[in-house]
Amino acid sequence: MEKKALYDSLNLDNETPSTLFVTDDKGNILLSNEFTAMTLGMSLSELLTANVYDLVKSGAYNTSATIQTIETKQPSQVTLLTNQGFQVQSNSTPILRPDGSLHLVLTKSAPLTQKELEQWGGIQKWQQLEQQEQQIEQDHAGIIAESNIMRRLISMCRQIAPYDSRILFYGESGVGKEVLAKFTHDHSSAANGNFIAINCATIPENLFESELFGFKKGAFTSADHNKKGILEETNGGTLFLDEISEMPLSVQTKFLRVLETMEFRPLGSSESIKVNFRLMSASNRDLEQLVAQGKFREDLYYRINVIPVYIPPLRERTKDILILANQFLQRYNQKYTKRVEIDGDISKYLLTYNWPGNIRELKNYIERLVILNGLSGHSDSQNTTKNENDHLDNYYVHKSEHHLEDYLAQVEKHYLEKKLQENNYNISKTAEECRISRPYLYKRLAQLNITVK
């Protein structure tokens, strides 16, 4: 699927310097990073207003894998030289729409080594950029993010925030799509306008049009007053449509017209109202599949899916679990006037449970924990046995000697080893049971030094 392919290719967990940008089918740069801008001798803000065709014409670099991919819709690889003396092995990958047309092009290089950076005089600049990025990533405006994946996603959302491009947030239910959408709005030029979040699944089909467009008095039997619709209320701000897959097909047709003209007519009115808003949408369903099934309009899908942002499930970012749990614990201790603490057994449960409901499920679990005065409420079958956890108990006893990251790695390693044994070291079955992708499982096995027999 296009959204996951883009996410996997971006490799957001990579901390080594490499060039990266994403363009549309015309070569306009939508996403990039500070290091890429540095190799071209320009600021990131300048790069994000550039076009790859213009960069080649101006001599910023001498050739382009991106252009080759745009023209062929095939992956391409070139060795290019930038105007700052950087020689880069550039690889471009096409991201195609369901009908085979080109949507986006991802272009990146292999991470540069420290020797290459020193050779081109870029090591000091890179260290400065790294420090700047770390500072930016620490400013999350209230978003809890300890994992590199989420820190980079936040940085990505901050980067695309100033532009009016429509964003489609993908991910399982409860991963925080609305939180990231609100963060993006707060860092955009529309930050002073309204952020209106609507869950399309909660609006009855027969009321959808009147809620979206509003109505005039007398438009229908019970319309005894004028009512502004969601679109008019959002004017000058951001409209966030969660579960957009649940928008009725009849409304999709009319909403597509709004996105094309940025005007609409309230029910019962003969006059159009012009609006200016940024659209962000979200879905936990596969919209490409719904398009293929005729349950979602293909042209609307293209309109809303300018920049896809995939948010991984909580089980793939375990570093966020305890810090989120402690935030919820503090909130509910204060709300219910309690002093509940998270002990070692509960910590191990939090870190080894799969959390199919993601952050929302974790939040509910912690609230229940506080209400029950520390009684976890999970069954014995959800916990590992005492013998299986002896080495973790010993590790936890000396927790003051270890960083949280070390402890999380130890728990994750034990969990993956156990799952591998249960599935006779079958990678596909293990990945499926852990609810993670096979590439991600291979990556974690290598990072945790786990040998597959």
Protein backbone atom coordinates (compact mmCIF):
# COMPACT_ATOMS: atom_id res chain seq x y z
CA MET A 1 0.00 0.00 0.00
CA GLU A 2 1.22 3.43 -0.92
CA LYS A 3 1.03 4.96 2.56
CA LYS A 4 3.03 2.15 4.19
CA ALA A 5 5.54 2.05 1.35
CA LEU A 6 6.24 5.73 1.84
CA TYR A 7 6.53 5.34 5.61
CA ASP A 8 8.89 2.35 5.37
CA SER A 9 11.04 4.10 2.76
CA LEU A 10 11.36 7.26 4.82
CA ASN A 11 13.04 5.15 7.56
CA LEU A 12 12.10 7.66 10.24
CA ASP A 13 14.08 5.78 12.87
CA ASN A 14 17.39 6.43 11.08
CA GLU A 15 19.64 8.90 12.89
CA THR A 16 22.56 9.01 10.44
CA PRO A 17 22.97 11.86 7.93
CA SER A 18 21.40 11.19 4.55
CA THR A 19 19.67 13.23 1.87
CA LEU A 20 15.93 12.87 1.58
CA PHE A 21 13.02 14.55 -0.11
CA VAL A 22 9.55 13.74 -1.36
CA THR A 23 8.14 15.42 -4.47
CA ASP A 24 4.82 15.38 -6.27
CA ASP A 25 4.45 14.19 -9.86
CA LYS A 26 5.59 17.57 -11.17
CA GLY A 27 8.80 17.72 -9.15
CA ASN A 28 7.65 20.15 -6.47
CA ILE A 29 9.40 19.32 -3.18
CA LEU A 30 6.92 18.55 -0.39
CA LEU A 31 9.21 17.14 2.31
CA SER A 32 12.93 17.24 2.96
CA ASN A 33 15.44 17.64 5.78
CA GLU A 34 18.09 20.08 6.92
CA PHE A 35 20.95 17.89 5.76
CA THR A 36 19.69 17.81 2.17
CA ALA A 37 19.43 21.60 2.20
CA MET A 38 22.97 21.81 3.55
CA THR A 39 24.36 19.73 0.67
CA LEU A 40 22.79 22.24 -1.75
CA GLY A 41 23.92 25.37 0.08
CA MET A 42 20.41 26.63 0.90
CA SER A 43 18.03 26.77 3.83
CA LEU A 44 15.34 24.15 4.32
CA SER A 45 12.61 26.76 3.81
CA GLU A 46 14.13 27.65 0.42
CA LEU A 47 14.36 24.00 -0.57
CA LEU A 48 10.70 23.39 0.31
CA THR A 49 9.63 26.02 -2.24
CA ALA A 50 11.85 24.56 -4.98
CA ASN A 51 11.26 22.25 -7.93
CA VAL A 52 13.77 19.55 -8.93
CA TYR A 53 13.72 20.64 -12.58
CA ASP A 54 14.67 24.17 -11.53
CA LEU A 55 17.40 22.87 -9.21
CA VAL A 56 19.06 21.00 -12.06
CA LYS A 57 18.76 24.00 -14.40
CA SER A 58 20.32 26.29 -11.80
CA GLY A 59 23.26 23.94 -11.25
CA ALA A 60 22.38 22.94 -7.67
CA TYR A 61 23.27 19.44 -8.84
CA ASN A 62 24.16 17.96 -12.20
CA THR A 63 21.56 15.20 -12.61
CA SER A 64 18.42 13.90 -10.92
CA ALA A 65 17.10 10.45 -10.11
CA THR A 66 13.79 12.11 -9.23
CA ILE A 67 13.32 13.45 -12.76
CA GLN A 68 14.08 10.04 -14.24
CA THR A 69 11.44 8.45 -12.00
CA ILE A 70 8.87 11.16 -12.80
CA GLU A 71 9.36 10.54 -16.52
CA THR A 72 9.48 6.72 -16.38
CA LYS A 73 7.44 5.88 -13.24
CA GLN A 74 10.24 3.42 -12.46
CA PRO A 75 12.84 3.35 -9.66
CA SER A 76 16.09 5.04 -10.66
CA GLN A 77 19.59 5.51 -9.29
CA VAL A 78 22.22 8.10 -10.16
CA THR A 79 25.46 9.40 -8.71
CA LEU A 80 25.18 13.17 -8.57
CA LEU A 81 27.46 16.03 -7.59
CA THR A 82 26.03 19.02 -5.72
CA ASN A 83 27.19 22.62 -5.98
CA GLN A 84 28.68 22.23 -2.48
CA GLY A 85 30.97 19.36 -3.58
CA PHE A 86 28.92 16.48 -2.16
CA GLN A 87 28.93 13.31 -4.28
CA VAL A 88 25.72 11.45 -3.50
CA GLN A 89 24.34 8.07 -4.57
CA SER A 90 20.73 9.09 -5.12
CA ASN A 91 17.87 6.58 -5.27
CA SER A 92 14.30 7.45 -6.30
CA THR A 93 11.21 5.33 -5.74
CA PRO A 94 7.78 6.00 -7.31
CA ILE A 95 4.68 5.93 -5.11
CA LEU A 96 1.76 5.09 -7.40
CA ARG A 97 -1.97 5.61 -7.04
CA PRO A 98 -4.36 2.65 -7.34
CA ASP A 99 -4.91 3.43 -11.03
CA GLY A 100 -1.16 3.33 -11.70
CA SER A 101 -0.65 7.08 -12.07
CA LEU A 102 2.25 8.73 -10.27
CA HIS A 103 1.44 10.27 -6.90
CA LEU A 104 4.75 10.94 -5.16
CA VAL A 105 8.45 10.32 -5.65
CA LEU A 106 10.68 9.47 -2.70
CA THR A 107 14.36 10.29 -3.22
CA LYS A 108 17.02 9.43 -0.68
CA SER A 109 20.67 8.49 -0.40
CA ALA A 110 22.56 5.96 1.65
CA PRO A 111 23.67 7.50 4.97
CA LEU A 112 26.98 9.33 4.60
CA THR A 113 29.86 8.09 6.69
CA GLN A 114 31.80 10.32 9.06
CA LYS A 115 34.80 9.98 6.73
CA GLU A 116 32.76 11.30 3.80
CA LEU A 117 31.47 14.19 5.89
CA GLU A 118 35.01 15.08 6.99
CA GLN A 119 36.22 14.80 3.41
CA TRP A 120 33.63 17.33 2.25
CA GLY A 121 33.98 19.56 5.30
CA GLY A 122 30.44 18.91 6.48
CA ILE A 123 30.95 17.23 9.87
CA GLN A 124 30.74 20.44 11.89
CA LYS A 125 27.68 21.66 9.99
CA TRP A 126 26.02 18.26 10.46
CA GLN A 127 26.64 18.31 14.20
CA GLN A 128 25.10 21.78 14.38
CA LEU A 129 22.06 20.62 12.35
CA GLU A 130 21.73 17.54 14.57
CA GLN A 131 21.69 19.72 17.68
CA GLN A 132 19.07 22.00 16.10
CA GLU A 133 16.87 19.03 15.14
CA GLN A 134 17.14 17.55 18.64
CA GLN A 135 16.06 20.89 20.11
CA ILE A 136 13.12 21.08 17.70
CA GLU A 137 12.11 17.49 18.44
CA GLN A 138 12.13 18.21 22.18
CA ASP A 139 9.54 20.96 21.64
CA HIS A 140 6.51 18.75 21.16
CA ALA A 141 3.91 21.23 22.37
CA GLY A 142 2.51 18.70 24.83
CA ILE A 143 2.77 15.59 22.64
CA ILE A 144 4.29 12.65 24.51
CA ALA A 145 7.03 11.21 22.30
CA GLU A 146 10.11 9.37 23.48
CA SER A 147 10.59 7.06 20.48
CA ASN A 148 12.63 8.21 17.51
CA ILE A 149 9.77 7.28 15.19
CA MET A 150 7.34 9.70 16.84
CA ARG A 151 9.94 12.44 17.27
CA ARG A 152 10.64 12.33 13.55
CA LEU A 153 6.92 12.28 12.71
CA ILE A 154 6.43 15.37 14.85
CA SER A 155 9.33 17.04 13.07
CA MET A 156 7.78 16.06 9.74
CA CYS A 157 4.39 17.53 10.73
CA ARG A 158 6.08 20.75 11.84
CA GLN A 159 7.79 20.92 8.43
CA ILE A 160 4.60 20.54 6.39
CA ALA A 161 2.52 22.73 8.73
CA PRO A 162 3.16 26.11 7.00
CA TYR A 163 1.83 24.87 3.65
CA ASP A 164 -1.78 24.44 2.57
CA SER A 165 -1.32 20.91 1.20
CA ARG A 166 -4.02 18.49 2.29
CA ILE A 167 -2.89 15.76 4.66
CA LEU A 168 -4.26 12.25 5.11
CA PHE A 169 -3.34 10.63 8.44
CA TYR A 170 -3.33 6.83 8.40
CA GLY A 171 -3.07 4.38 11.25
CA GLU A 172 -4.96 2.06 13.55
CA SER A 173 -7.65 3.36 15.85
CA GLY A 174 -6.25 5.16 18.89
CA VAL A 175 -2.73 5.95 17.61
CA GLY A 176 -3.12 9.73 17.93
CA LYS A 177 -4.15 10.94 14.47
CA GLU A 178 -6.18 13.87 15.79
CA VAL A 179 -3.38 14.87 18.18
CA LEU A 180 -0.89 15.15 15.31
CA ALA A 181 -3.44 16.96 13.16
CA LYS A 182 -4.00 19.53 15.93
CA PHE A 183 -0.22 19.91 16.34
CA THR A 184 0.12 20.56 12.61
CA HIS A 185 -2.68 23.14 12.74
CA ASP A 186 -1.10 24.89 15.73
CA HIS A 187 2.13 25.37 13.76
CA SER A 188 0.42 26.51 10.56
CA SER A 189 -0.58 29.92 9.22
CA ALA A 190 -4.16 29.02 10.19
CA ALA A 191 -3.26 28.60 13.87
CA ASN A 192 -5.39 31.59 14.87
CA GLY A 193 -8.40 30.08 13.14
CA ASN A 194 -10.67 27.31 14.34
CA PHE A 195 -9.59 23.68 14.44
CA ILE A 196 -12.81 21.73 14.01
CA ALA A 197 -12.58 17.96 14.36
CA ILE A 198 -15.48 15.87 13.07
CA ASN A 199 -15.85 12.10 13.31
CA CYS A 200 -17.71 11.17 10.14
CA ALA A 201 -18.86 7.88 11.68
CA THR A 202 -20.90 9.69 14.33
CA ILE A 203 -23.08 11.74 11.95
CA PRO A 204 -26.28 10.02 10.74
CA GLU A 205 -26.41 9.83 6.94
CA ASN A 206 -29.67 11.79 6.72
CA LEU A 207 -28.12 14.67 8.72
CA PHE A 208 -24.70 14.76 7.08
CA GLU A 209 -25.46 17.45 4.50
CA SER A 210 -27.19 19.79 6.94
CA GLU A 211 -24.31 19.41 9.42
CA LEU A 212 -21.67 20.02 6.76
CA PHE A 213 -23.32 22.79 4.71
CA GLY A 214 -25.78 24.29 7.18
CA PHE A 215 -29.30 25.32 6.23
CA LYS A 216 -31.67 28.26 5.88
CA LYS A 217 -34.93 28.63 7.75
CA GLY A 218 -37.65 26.71 5.92
CA ALA A 219 -35.23 24.43 4.04
CA PHE A 220 -37.11 21.45 5.47
CA THR A 221 -39.96 20.85 7.90
CA SER A 222 -38.04 21.23 11.17
CA ALA A 223 -35.75 24.05 9.91
CA ASP A 224 -37.27 26.87 12.01
CA HIS A 225 -34.01 28.88 12.09
CA ASN A 226 -30.83 29.52 10.12
CA LYS A 227 -27.89 27.30 11.04
CA LYS A 228 -24.25 27.61 10.05
CA GLY A 229 -22.64 24.41 8.84
CA ILE A 230 -19.28 22.95 9.69
CA LEU A 231 -17.68 24.39 6.54
CA GLU A 232 -18.67 27.95 7.38
CA GLU A 233 -17.57 27.53 10.99
CA THR A 234 -14.17 26.30 9.77
CA ASN A 235 -13.56 29.27 7.43
CA GLY A 236 -10.04 30.59 8.04
CA GLY A 237 -9.01 27.51 10.01
CA THR A 238 -8.55 23.76 9.69
CA LEU A 239 -11.17 21.07 9.15
CA PHE A 240 -10.17 17.63 10.44
CA LEU A 241 -12.38 14.81 9.15
CA ASP A 242 -11.73 11.66 11.16
CA GLU A 243 -12.91 8.32 9.76
CA ILE A 244 -13.53 9.99 6.39
CA SER A 245 -14.13 6.52 4.96
CA GLU A 246 -17.57 6.69 6.62
CA MET A 247 -18.69 9.77 4.67
CA PRO A 248 -21.74 8.73 2.57
CA LEU A 249 -21.10 8.48 -1.18
CA SER A 250 -23.84 11.03 -1.89
CA VAL A 251 -22.06 13.55 0.34
CA GLN A 252 -18.64 12.68 -1.09
CA THR A 253 -19.76 13.96 -4.49
CA LYS A 254 -20.82 17.33 -3.09
CA PHE A 255 -17.79 17.63 -0.81
CA LEU A 256 -15.49 17.00 -3.78
CA ARG A 257 -17.13 20.00 -5.49
CA VAL A 258 -16.40 22.12 -2.42
CA LEU A 259 -12.72 21.16 -2.53
CA GLU A 260 -12.58 22.07 -6.24
CA THR A 261 -14.28 25.46 -5.94
CA MET A 262 -13.93 26.30 -2.23
CA GLU A 263 -17.57 27.40 -2.15
CA PHE A 264 -20.89 25.80 -1.23
CA ARG A 265 -24.58 26.51 -0.79
CA PRO A 266 -26.38 25.94 2.52
CA LEU A 267 -29.52 23.81 2.19
CA GLY A 268 -32.43 25.98 1.10
CA SER A 269 -30.20 28.83 -0.14
CA SER A 270 -29.69 30.08 -3.69
CA GLU A 271 -26.46 31.90 -2.83
CA SER A 272 -23.00 30.37 -2.61
CA ILE A 273 -20.63 31.03 0.27
CA LYS A 274 -16.89 31.16 -0.36
CA VAL A 275 -14.66 29.52 2.24
CA ASN A 276 -10.96 29.13 2.86
CA PHE A 277 -9.87 26.26 5.07
CA ARG A 278 -7.17 23.60 5.21
CA LEU A 279 -8.38 20.03 5.09
CA MET A 280 -6.82 17.23 7.10
CA SER A 281 -8.39 13.80 7.03
CA ALA A 282 -7.82 10.52 8.83
CA SER A 283 -8.73 6.89 8.38
CA ASN A 284 -8.06 3.58 10.07
CA ARG A 285 -9.33 1.75 7.00
CA ASP A 286 -7.64 1.04 3.68
CA LEU A 287 -9.03 3.76 1.41
CA GLU A 288 -7.34 2.27 -1.66
CA GLN A 289 -9.28 -0.94 -1.10
CA LEU A 290 -12.51 0.99 -0.57
CA VAL A 291 -11.89 2.83 -3.85
CA ALA A 292 -11.41 -0.52 -5.62
CA GLN A 293 -14.67 -1.76 -4.07
CA GLY A 294 -16.57 1.35 -5.20
CA LYS A 295 -17.23 2.43 -1.61
CA PHE A 296 -15.11 5.60 -1.76
CA ARG A 297 -14.79 8.03 -4.65
CA GLU A 298 -11.45 7.74 -6.42
CA ASP A 299 -11.34 11.45 -7.37
CA LEU A 300 -12.02 12.48 -3.76
CA TYR A 301 -9.29 10.11 -2.57
CA TYR A 302 -6.79 11.89 -4.83
CA ARG A 303 -7.95 15.29 -3.57
CA ILE A 304 -7.49 14.51 0.12
CA ASN A 305 -4.34 12.37 -0.15
CA VAL A 306 -1.74 14.97 -1.14
CA ILE A 307 0.61 14.17 1.76
CA PRO A 308 0.03 10.79 3.46
CA VAL A 309 1.23 10.53 7.06
CA TYR A 310 1.33 7.04 8.56
CA ILE A 311 1.32 6.79 12.37
CA PRO A 312 2.64 3.43 13.63
CA PRO A 313 0.83 1.47 16.35
CA LEU A 314 1.93 1.71 19.97
CA ARG A 315 3.44 -1.80 19.92
CA GLU A 316 6.02 -0.56 17.37
CA ARG A 317 7.12 2.34 19.60
CA THR A 318 7.54 0.80 23.03
CA LYS A 319 9.64 3.71 24.26
CA ASP A 320 6.45 5.78 24.40
CA ILE A 321 4.48 3.33 26.55
CA LEU A 322 5.81 4.03 30.05
CA ILE A 323 6.04 7.78 29.57
CA LEU A 324 2.43 7.84 28.33
CA ALA A 325 1.35 5.58 31.18
CA ASN A 326 2.94 7.87 33.75
CA GLN A 327 1.27 10.92 32.24
CA PHE A 328 -2.14 9.20 32.42
CA LEU A 329 -1.33 7.99 35.95
CA GLN A 330 -0.61 11.54 37.10
CA ARG A 331 -3.81 12.80 35.48
CA TYR A 332 -6.08 10.18 37.04
CA ASN A 333 -4.41 10.25 40.44
CA GLN A 334 -5.21 13.95 40.52
CA LYS A 335 -8.75 13.47 39.18
CA TYR A 336 -9.69 10.74 41.67
CA THR A 337 -7.47 11.95 44.56
CA LYS A 338 -5.38 8.78 44.57
CA ARG A 339 -1.68 7.94 44.99
CA VAL A 340 -1.44 4.80 42.86
CA GLU A 341 2.00 3.85 41.55
CA ILE A 342 3.11 1.57 38.73
CA ASP A 343 5.15 -1.34 40.09
CA GLY A 344 7.50 -3.73 38.32
CA ASP A 345 4.85 -6.33 37.43
CA ILE A 346 2.57 -3.74 35.88
CA SER A 347 5.51 -2.18 34.00
CA LYS A 348 6.33 -5.53 32.47
CA TYR A 349 2.70 -6.03 31.50
CA LEU A 350 2.57 -2.58 29.90
CA LEU A 351 5.68 -3.27 27.85
CA THR A 352 4.79 -6.78 26.67
CA TYR A 353 1.08 -6.38 25.93
CA ASN A 354 0.25 -5.70 22.23
CA TRP A 355 -2.20 -2.81 22.83
CA PRO A 356 -4.55 -3.40 19.88
CA GLY A 357 -6.48 -0.31 20.99
CA ASN A 358 -3.23 1.69 21.14
CA ILE A 359 -3.06 4.89 23.22
CA ARG A 360 -6.80 4.96 23.85
CA GLU A 361 -6.67 1.46 25.34
CA LEU A 362 -3.62 2.34 27.43
CA LYS A 363 -5.39 5.44 28.75
CA ASN A 364 -8.45 3.40 29.75
CA TYR A 365 -6.26 0.76 31.40
CA ILE A 366 -4.48 3.34 33.57
CA GLU A 367 -7.77 4.95 34.57
CA ARG A 368 -9.09 1.54 35.62
CA LEU A 369 -5.83 0.88 37.49
CA VAL A 370 -6.22 4.08 39.50
CA ILE A 371 -9.90 3.48 40.26
CA LEU A 372 -9.10 -0.05 41.49
CA ASN A 373 -6.28 1.27 43.72
CA GLY A 374 -3.50 -0.44 41.78
CA LEU A 375 -5.26 -3.73 41.02
CA SER A 376 -4.40 -4.21 37.36
CA GLY A 377 -7.56 -6.00 36.32
CA HIS A 378 -5.79 -8.08 33.67
CA SER A 379 -6.02 -11.86 33.77
CA ASP A 380 -3.22 -14.23 34.67
CA SER A 381 -3.17 -15.41 31.06
CA GLN A 382 -2.11 -11.92 29.97
CA ASN A 383 0.97 -12.05 32.20
CA THR A 384 4.07 -14.11 31.71
CA THR A 385 4.86 -16.73 34.33
CA LYS A 386 7.15 -16.17 37.29
CA ASN A 387 9.88 -18.48 35.97
CA GLU A 388 9.85 -16.78 32.58
CA ASN A 389 10.36 -13.41 34.24
CA ASP A 390 13.04 -14.27 36.82
CA HIS A 391 15.83 -12.61 34.83
CA LEU A 392 13.67 -9.51 34.31
CA ASP A 393 12.91 -9.37 38.03
CA ASN A 394 16.63 -9.41 38.77
CA TYR A 395 17.20 -6.73 36.17
CA TYR A 396 14.39 -4.59 37.60
CA VAL A 397 15.72 -4.88 41.17
CA HIS A 398 18.79 -2.97 40.02
CA LYS A 399 16.78 -0.51 37.93
CA SER A 400 18.66 2.46 39.43
CA GLU A 401 21.76 1.21 37.65
CA HIS A 402 20.11 1.14 34.22
CA HIS A 403 18.53 3.66 31.90
CA LEU A 404 14.90 3.21 30.86
CA GLU A 405 16.02 2.50 27.29
CA ASP A 406 18.15 -0.44 28.49
CA TYR A 407 15.28 -1.88 30.50
CA LEU A 408 12.84 -1.56 27.59
CA ALA A 409 15.32 -3.32 25.29
CA GLN A 410 15.73 -6.14 27.82
CA VAL A 411 11.97 -6.65 28.07
CA GLU A 412 11.49 -6.49 24.31
CA LYS A 413 14.32 -8.97 23.73
CA HIS A 414 12.79 -11.45 26.19
CA TYR A 415 9.37 -11.03 24.60
CA LEU A 416 10.60 -11.59 21.03
CA GLU A 417 12.72 -14.60 22.02
CA LYS A 418 9.68 -16.16 23.69
CA LYS A 419 7.45 -15.53 20.66
CA LEU A 420 10.05 -16.97 18.30
CA GLN A 421 10.26 -20.13 20.40
CA GLU A 422 6.45 -20.46 20.50
CA ASN A 423 6.32 -20.22 16.69
CA ASN A 424 9.31 -22.52 16.01
CA TYR A 425 11.28 -19.51 14.76
CA ASN A 426 8.88 -18.90 11.89
CA ILE A 427 9.34 -15.20 11.12
CA SER A 428 6.00 -14.71 9.36
CA LYS A 429 3.98 -16.34 12.18
CA THR A 430 5.95 -14.46 14.84
CA ALA A 431 5.45 -11.11 13.11
CA GLU A 432 1.73 -11.79 12.70
CA GLU A 433 1.31 -12.78 16.36
CA CYS A 434 3.28 -9.71 17.50
CA ARG A 435 1.20 -7.58 15.12
CA ILE A 436 4.23 -6.05 13.48
CA SER A 437 5.59 -6.22 9.93
CA ARG A 438 8.21 -8.79 8.92
CA PRO A 439 10.78 -6.06 7.96
CA TYR A 440 10.30 -4.39 11.35
CA LEU A 441 10.74 -7.74 13.13
CA TYR A 442 13.97 -8.44 11.23
CA LYS A 443 15.19 -4.96 12.13
CA ARG A 444 14.50 -5.42 15.85
CA LEU A 445 16.09 -8.90 15.90
CA ALA A 446 19.28 -7.44 14.46
CA GLN A 447 19.27 -4.47 16.84
CA LEU A 448 18.69 -6.70 19.88
CA ASN A 449 21.26 -9.30 18.77
CA ILE A 450 18.71 -12.10 18.62
CA THR A 451 19.81 -15.09 16.52
CA VAL A 452 17.15 -16.90 14.52
CA LYS A 453 17.78 -20.65 14.59
